[in-house]
Amino acid sequence: MVAINNHIKAIKNKINGGKLDLPQNEKLVVTFFIERKLPFGEAKKFHCHYQSIRWKVGGTAEIVDWFALAKKWMLKAKELKEDKTLVPVSQNTDNLGISSMKDLINRYEPTYSLCGL
């Protein structure tokens, strides 16, 4: 049996074999996040996202344990935050290997010979 906090009530349903049901409202999700010292904003994002896709994963599979899914959400959010703190690659790199606009024009401009016409 899954241990849950008394004030976060997850109703057990006989139809789904005693597995935890989905959160009854956004307040339960926010409480879950805050108790674990996780950002309030992430709780709102998590709830809105899964509410909008009817609490399914991959479009078809119903969520069995939203607590585990919320923990996974936060791990992913931390990874994304760490990735954003890395120094971005400069957009001024010289991918064409040219030093000036003149070199670029000379590289791609066809040469015409007007002699002999």
N, C-alpha and C. Protein backbone atom coordinates (compact mmCIF):
# COMPACT_ATOMS: atom_id res chain seq x y z
N MET A 1 0.84 -1.18 0.00
CA MET A 1 0.00 0.00 0.00
C MET A 1 0.89 1.25 0.00
N VAL A 2 0.50 2.25 -0.74
CA VAL A 2 1.27 3.48 -0.85
C VAL A 2 0.95 4.39 0.31
N ALA A 3 1.98 4.85 1.01
CA ALA A 3 1.77 5.78 2.11
C ALA A 3 1.55 7.17 1.56
N ILE A 4 0.51 7.83 2.06
CA ILE A 4 0.24 9.20 1.63
C ILE A 4 -0.02 10.05 2.86
N ASN A 5 0.16 11.33 2.72
CA ASN A 5 -0.11 12.25 3.83
C ASN A 5 -1.60 12.30 4.09
N ASN A 6 -1.97 12.49 5.36
CA ASN A 6 -3.38 12.50 5.73
C ASN A 6 -4.15 13.62 5.06
N HIS A 7 -3.55 14.77 4.91
CA HIS A 7 -4.27 15.90 4.33
C HIS A 7 -4.30 15.88 2.82
N ILE A 8 -3.51 15.00 2.19
CA ILE A 8 -3.61 14.80 0.74
C ILE A 8 -4.40 13.52 0.55
N LYS A 9 -5.65 13.70 0.24
CA LYS A 9 -6.53 12.54 0.17
C LYS A 9 -6.60 12.03 -1.25
N ALA A 10 -6.18 10.79 -1.41
CA ALA A 10 -6.31 10.11 -2.69
C ALA A 10 -7.30 8.99 -2.47
N ILE A 11 -8.35 9.01 -3.20
CA ILE A 11 -9.42 8.05 -3.01
C ILE A 11 -9.05 6.74 -3.70
N LYS A 12 -9.24 5.64 -2.97
CA LYS A 12 -8.99 4.33 -3.57
C LYS A 12 -10.27 3.88 -4.27
N ASN A 13 -10.08 3.39 -5.46
CA ASN A 13 -11.21 3.00 -6.27
C ASN A 13 -11.16 1.49 -6.48
N LYS A 14 -12.28 0.82 -6.25
CA LYS A 14 -12.31 -0.64 -6.42
C LYS A 14 -12.13 -1.03 -7.88
N ILE A 15 -12.54 -0.17 -8.78
CA ILE A 15 -12.45 -0.47 -10.20
C ILE A 15 -11.00 -0.55 -10.67
N ASN A 16 -10.15 0.34 -10.18
CA ASN A 16 -8.76 0.33 -10.65
C ASN A 16 -7.84 -0.46 -9.73
N GLY A 17 -8.36 -1.36 -8.93
CA GLY A 17 -7.54 -2.27 -8.15
C GLY A 17 -6.86 -1.63 -6.95
N GLY A 18 -7.42 -0.58 -6.38
CA GLY A 18 -6.85 0.05 -5.21
C GLY A 18 -5.71 1.01 -5.51
N LYS A 19 -5.47 1.30 -6.76
CA LYS A 19 -4.41 2.25 -7.11
C LYS A 19 -4.88 3.67 -6.81
N LEU A 20 -3.95 4.58 -6.68
CA LEU A 20 -4.29 5.96 -6.36
C LEU A 20 -5.02 6.62 -7.52
N ASP A 21 -6.07 7.34 -7.18
CA ASP A 21 -6.80 8.09 -8.20
C ASP A 21 -6.07 9.38 -8.51
N LEU A 22 -6.57 10.07 -9.49
CA LEU A 22 -6.01 11.35 -9.88
C LEU A 22 -6.34 12.39 -8.82
N PRO A 23 -5.57 13.47 -8.75
CA PRO A 23 -5.87 14.50 -7.76
C PRO A 23 -7.25 15.10 -8.02
N GLN A 24 -7.99 15.32 -6.96
CA GLN A 24 -9.35 15.84 -7.09
C GLN A 24 -9.37 17.31 -7.50
N ASN A 25 -8.31 18.04 -7.15
CA ASN A 25 -8.26 19.45 -7.52
C ASN A 25 -6.80 19.94 -7.51
N GLU A 26 -6.63 21.16 -7.97
CA GLU A 26 -5.29 21.75 -8.08
C GLU A 26 -4.64 21.96 -6.71
N LYS A 27 -5.46 22.19 -5.72
CA LYS A 27 -4.93 22.44 -4.37
C LYS A 27 -4.13 21.24 -3.85
N LEU A 28 -4.57 20.04 -4.15
CA LEU A 28 -3.84 18.85 -3.73
C LEU A 28 -2.45 18.79 -4.36
N VAL A 29 -2.38 19.15 -5.63
CA VAL A 29 -1.10 19.14 -6.34
C VAL A 29 -0.18 20.21 -5.75
N VAL A 30 -0.71 21.40 -5.53
CA VAL A 30 0.09 22.49 -4.97
C VAL A 30 0.61 22.11 -3.59
N THR A 31 -0.25 21.52 -2.77
CA THR A 31 0.16 21.10 -1.43
C THR A 31 1.27 20.07 -1.50
N PHE A 32 1.13 19.11 -2.40
CA PHE A 32 2.15 18.08 -2.59
C PHE A 32 3.51 18.71 -2.93
N PHE A 33 3.51 19.67 -3.84
CA PHE A 33 4.76 20.32 -4.26
C PHE A 33 5.35 21.16 -3.12
N ILE A 34 4.52 21.94 -2.45
CA ILE A 34 5.01 22.83 -1.40
C ILE A 34 5.59 22.04 -0.23
N GLU A 35 4.96 20.94 0.13
CA GLU A 35 5.47 20.12 1.24
C GLU A 35 6.86 19.57 0.94
N ARG A 36 7.17 19.39 -0.31
CA ARG A 36 8.47 18.88 -0.71
C ARG A 36 9.43 20.00 -1.09
N LYS A 37 9.05 21.23 -0.72
CA LYS A 37 9.85 22.42 -1.00
C LYS A 37 10.15 22.58 -2.48
N LEU A 38 9.14 22.29 -3.29
CA LEU A 38 9.25 22.44 -4.73
C LEU A 38 8.49 23.70 -5.13
N PRO A 39 8.87 24.32 -6.23
CA PRO A 39 8.28 25.60 -6.62
C PRO A 39 6.77 25.53 -6.88
N PHE A 40 6.08 26.54 -6.37
CA PHE A 40 4.63 26.68 -6.56
C PHE A 40 4.29 26.73 -8.05
N GLY A 41 5.09 27.48 -8.81
CA GLY A 41 4.85 27.62 -10.25
C GLY A 41 4.91 26.30 -10.99
N GLU A 42 5.82 25.43 -10.56
CA GLU A 42 5.92 24.11 -11.20
C GLU A 42 4.68 23.27 -10.89
N ALA A 43 4.13 23.44 -9.70
CA ALA A 43 2.91 22.70 -9.35
C ALA A 43 1.77 23.12 -10.27
N LYS A 44 1.66 24.43 -10.51
CA LYS A 44 0.61 24.94 -11.40
C LYS A 44 0.81 24.43 -12.83
N LYS A 45 2.07 24.46 -13.30
CA LYS A 45 2.37 23.98 -14.65
C LYS A 45 2.02 22.50 -14.78
N PHE A 46 2.43 21.72 -13.78
CA PHE A 46 2.17 20.27 -13.77
C PHE A 46 0.67 20.01 -13.85
N HIS A 47 -0.08 20.66 -12.98
CA HIS A 47 -1.52 20.41 -12.95
C HIS A 47 -2.19 20.84 -14.26
N CYS A 48 -1.86 22.02 -14.74
CA CYS A 48 -2.46 22.51 -15.99
C CYS A 48 -2.13 21.61 -17.16
N HIS A 49 -0.88 21.17 -17.23
CA HIS A 49 -0.47 20.31 -18.35
C HIS A 49 -1.25 19.00 -18.37
N TYR A 50 -1.25 18.31 -17.24
CA TYR A 50 -1.91 17.01 -17.22
C TYR A 50 -3.43 17.13 -17.21
N GLN A 51 -3.97 18.20 -16.69
CA GLN A 51 -5.41 18.42 -16.77
C GLN A 51 -5.82 18.61 -18.23
N SER A 52 -4.99 19.34 -18.99
CA SER A 52 -5.31 19.61 -20.38
C SER A 52 -5.26 18.37 -21.27
N ILE A 53 -4.47 17.38 -20.87
CA ILE A 53 -4.40 16.14 -21.67
C ILE A 53 -5.14 15.00 -20.99
N ARG A 54 -6.05 15.37 -20.09
CA ARG A 54 -6.96 14.43 -19.42
C ARG A 54 -6.23 13.35 -18.62
N TRP A 55 -5.12 13.74 -18.01
CA TRP A 55 -4.35 12.86 -17.13
C TRP A 55 -3.99 11.55 -17.82
N LYS A 56 -3.42 11.70 -19.01
CA LYS A 56 -2.94 10.54 -19.77
C LYS A 56 -1.50 10.78 -20.17
N VAL A 57 -0.77 9.69 -20.37
CA VAL A 57 0.61 9.76 -20.83
C VAL A 57 0.65 9.14 -22.21
N GLY A 58 1.28 9.82 -23.13
CA GLY A 58 1.36 9.31 -24.50
C GLY A 58 0.04 9.35 -25.23
N GLY A 59 -0.92 10.08 -24.71
CA GLY A 59 -2.21 10.22 -25.37
C GLY A 59 -3.20 9.11 -25.11
N THR A 60 -2.73 7.96 -24.60
CA THR A 60 -3.65 6.85 -24.41
C THR A 60 -3.60 6.23 -23.02
N ALA A 61 -2.42 6.13 -22.44
CA ALA A 61 -2.26 5.45 -21.16
C ALA A 61 -2.66 6.37 -20.00
N GLU A 62 -3.58 5.88 -19.17
CA GLU A 62 -4.00 6.66 -18.02
C GLU A 62 -2.91 6.67 -16.96
N ILE A 63 -2.79 7.79 -16.27
CA ILE A 63 -1.79 7.93 -15.22
C ILE A 63 -2.22 7.09 -14.02
N VAL A 64 -1.31 6.27 -13.53
CA VAL A 64 -1.61 5.39 -12.40
C VAL A 64 -1.20 6.05 -11.09
N ASP A 65 -0.02 6.67 -11.05
CA ASP A 65 0.50 7.25 -9.82
C ASP A 65 0.97 8.68 -10.10
N TRP A 66 0.11 9.64 -9.80
CA TRP A 66 0.47 11.03 -10.12
C TRP A 66 1.56 11.54 -9.20
N PHE A 67 1.74 10.93 -8.02
CA PHE A 67 2.82 11.35 -7.12
C PHE A 67 4.18 11.10 -7.79
N ALA A 68 4.34 9.91 -8.34
CA ALA A 68 5.59 9.56 -9.02
C ALA A 68 5.79 10.44 -10.25
N LEU A 69 4.71 10.72 -10.95
CA LEU A 69 4.79 11.57 -12.13
C LEU A 69 5.20 12.99 -11.76
N ALA A 70 4.71 13.48 -10.64
CA ALA A 70 5.07 14.83 -10.18
C ALA A 70 6.56 14.88 -9.81
N LYS A 71 7.05 13.83 -9.18
CA LYS A 71 8.48 13.78 -8.83
C LYS A 71 9.34 13.76 -10.09
N LYS A 72 8.91 12.99 -11.08
CA LYS A 72 9.64 12.93 -12.35
C LYS A 72 9.60 14.30 -13.04
N TRP A 73 8.46 14.98 -12.97
CA TRP A 73 8.31 16.33 -13.53
C TRP A 73 9.35 17.26 -12.95
N MET A 74 9.53 17.20 -11.64
CA MET A 74 10.47 18.10 -10.97
C MET A 74 11.92 17.77 -11.32
N LEU A 75 12.24 16.49 -11.47
CA LEU A 75 13.60 16.12 -11.89
C LEU A 75 13.89 16.70 -13.27
N LYS A 76 12.92 16.59 -14.16
CA LYS A 76 13.09 17.11 -15.52
C LYS A 76 13.20 18.64 -15.49
N ALA A 77 12.41 19.29 -14.64
CA ALA A 77 12.45 20.76 -14.54
C ALA A 77 13.83 21.21 -14.04
N LYS A 78 14.40 20.48 -13.10
CA LYS A 78 15.74 20.83 -12.60
C LYS A 78 16.79 20.66 -13.69
N GLU A 79 16.66 19.58 -14.48
CA GLU A 79 17.61 19.37 -15.59
C GLU A 79 17.52 20.51 -16.59
N LEU A 80 16.31 20.91 -16.93
CA LEU A 80 16.14 22.00 -17.89
C LEU A 80 16.69 23.31 -17.35
N LYS A 81 16.51 23.54 -16.06
CA LYS A 81 17.03 24.76 -15.45
C LYS A 81 18.55 24.77 -15.50
N GLU A 82 19.17 23.62 -15.23
CA GLU A 82 20.63 23.52 -15.28
C GLU A 82 21.15 23.73 -16.69
N ASP A 83 20.43 23.20 -17.68
CA ASP A 83 20.83 23.38 -19.07
C ASP A 83 20.79 24.84 -19.48
N LYS A 84 19.82 25.60 -18.97
CA LYS A 84 19.70 27.01 -19.32
C LYS A 84 20.82 27.85 -18.70
N THR A 85 21.42 27.36 -17.62
CA THR A 85 22.48 28.12 -16.97
C THR A 85 23.82 27.95 -17.67
N LEU A 86 23.92 26.99 -18.58
CA LEU A 86 25.15 26.81 -19.35
C LEU A 86 25.34 27.98 -20.30
N VAL A 87 26.56 28.29 -20.64
CA VAL A 87 26.86 29.39 -21.55
C VAL A 87 26.42 28.99 -22.96
N PRO A 88 25.57 29.79 -23.57
CA PRO A 88 25.11 29.44 -24.91
C PRO A 88 26.24 29.63 -25.94
N VAL A 89 26.17 28.85 -26.98
CA VAL A 89 27.14 28.94 -28.07
C VAL A 89 26.89 30.24 -28.83
N SER A 90 27.95 30.91 -29.18
CA SER A 90 27.83 32.17 -29.89
C SER A 90 27.20 31.97 -31.25
N GLN A 91 26.32 32.88 -31.62
CA GLN A 91 25.68 32.83 -32.92
C GLN A 91 26.57 33.46 -34.00
N ASN A 92 27.71 34.00 -33.61
CA ASN A 92 28.60 34.67 -34.54
C ASN A 92 29.69 33.76 -35.09
N THR A 93 29.49 32.47 -35.01
CA THR A 93 30.51 31.56 -35.52
C THR A 93 30.55 31.62 -37.04
N ASP A 94 31.70 31.35 -37.58
CA ASP A 94 31.90 31.43 -39.02
C ASP A 94 31.78 30.04 -39.64
N ASN A 95 30.55 29.62 -39.89
CA ASN A 95 30.31 28.29 -40.42
C ASN A 95 30.74 28.14 -41.88
N LEU A 96 30.82 29.23 -42.61
CA LEU A 96 31.19 29.16 -44.03
C LEU A 96 32.69 29.25 -44.25
N GLY A 97 33.42 29.60 -43.23
CA GLY A 97 34.87 29.71 -43.37
C GLY A 97 35.29 30.90 -44.20
N ILE A 98 34.59 32.01 -44.06
CA ILE A 98 34.95 33.22 -44.82
C ILE A 98 35.33 34.32 -43.84
N SER A 99 36.11 35.26 -44.30
CA SER A 99 36.52 36.34 -43.42
C SER A 99 35.84 37.66 -43.77
N SER A 100 35.21 37.75 -44.93
CA SER A 100 34.53 39.00 -45.28
C SER A 100 33.42 38.69 -46.29
N MET A 101 32.60 39.67 -46.51
CA MET A 101 31.53 39.54 -47.48
C MET A 101 32.10 39.37 -48.88
N LYS A 102 33.24 39.99 -49.12
CA LYS A 102 33.88 39.87 -50.43
C LYS A 102 34.27 38.42 -50.71
N ASP A 103 34.80 37.73 -49.69
CA ASP A 103 35.14 36.31 -49.86
C ASP A 103 33.89 35.48 -50.16
N LEU A 104 32.79 35.83 -49.52
CA LEU A 104 31.54 35.10 -49.74
C LEU A 104 31.07 35.29 -51.18
N ILE A 105 31.11 36.54 -51.67
CA ILE A 105 30.67 36.83 -53.03
C ILE A 105 31.57 36.12 -54.04
N ASN A 106 32.87 36.17 -53.82
CA ASN A 106 33.80 35.51 -54.73
C ASN A 106 33.62 34.00 -54.75
N ARG A 107 33.23 33.44 -53.62
CA ARG A 107 33.06 31.99 -53.55
C ARG A 107 31.86 31.53 -54.36
N TYR A 108 30.78 32.29 -54.31
CA TYR A 108 29.53 31.83 -54.93
C TYR A 108 29.18 32.55 -56.22
N GLU A 109 29.93 33.57 -56.61
CA GLU A 109 29.64 34.30 -57.84
C GLU A 109 30.28 33.54 -59.01
N PRO A 110 29.49 33.20 -60.00
CA PRO A 110 30.08 32.50 -61.16
C PRO A 110 31.01 33.44 -61.93
N THR A 111 32.05 32.88 -62.48
CA THR A 111 32.98 33.70 -63.27
C THR A 111 32.55 33.65 -64.73
N TYR A 112 32.48 34.81 -65.31
CA TYR A 112 32.10 34.92 -66.72
C TYR A 112 33.27 35.47 -67.50
N SER A 113 33.44 34.94 -68.65
CA SER A 113 34.48 35.46 -69.54
C SER A 113 33.79 36.12 -70.72
N LEU A 114 34.02 37.43 -70.86
CA LEU A 114 33.42 38.15 -71.96
C LEU A 114 34.31 38.12 -73.20
N CYS A 115 35.50 37.61 -73.08
CA CYS A 115 36.38 37.51 -74.25
C CYS A 115 35.92 36.39 -75.14
N GLY A 116 35.97 36.59 -76.38
CA GLY A 116 35.66 35.56 -77.35
C GLY A 116 34.19 35.52 -77.71
N LEU A 117 33.40 36.46 -77.24
CA LEU A 117 32.00 36.47 -77.65
C LEU A 117 31.78 37.17 -78.92
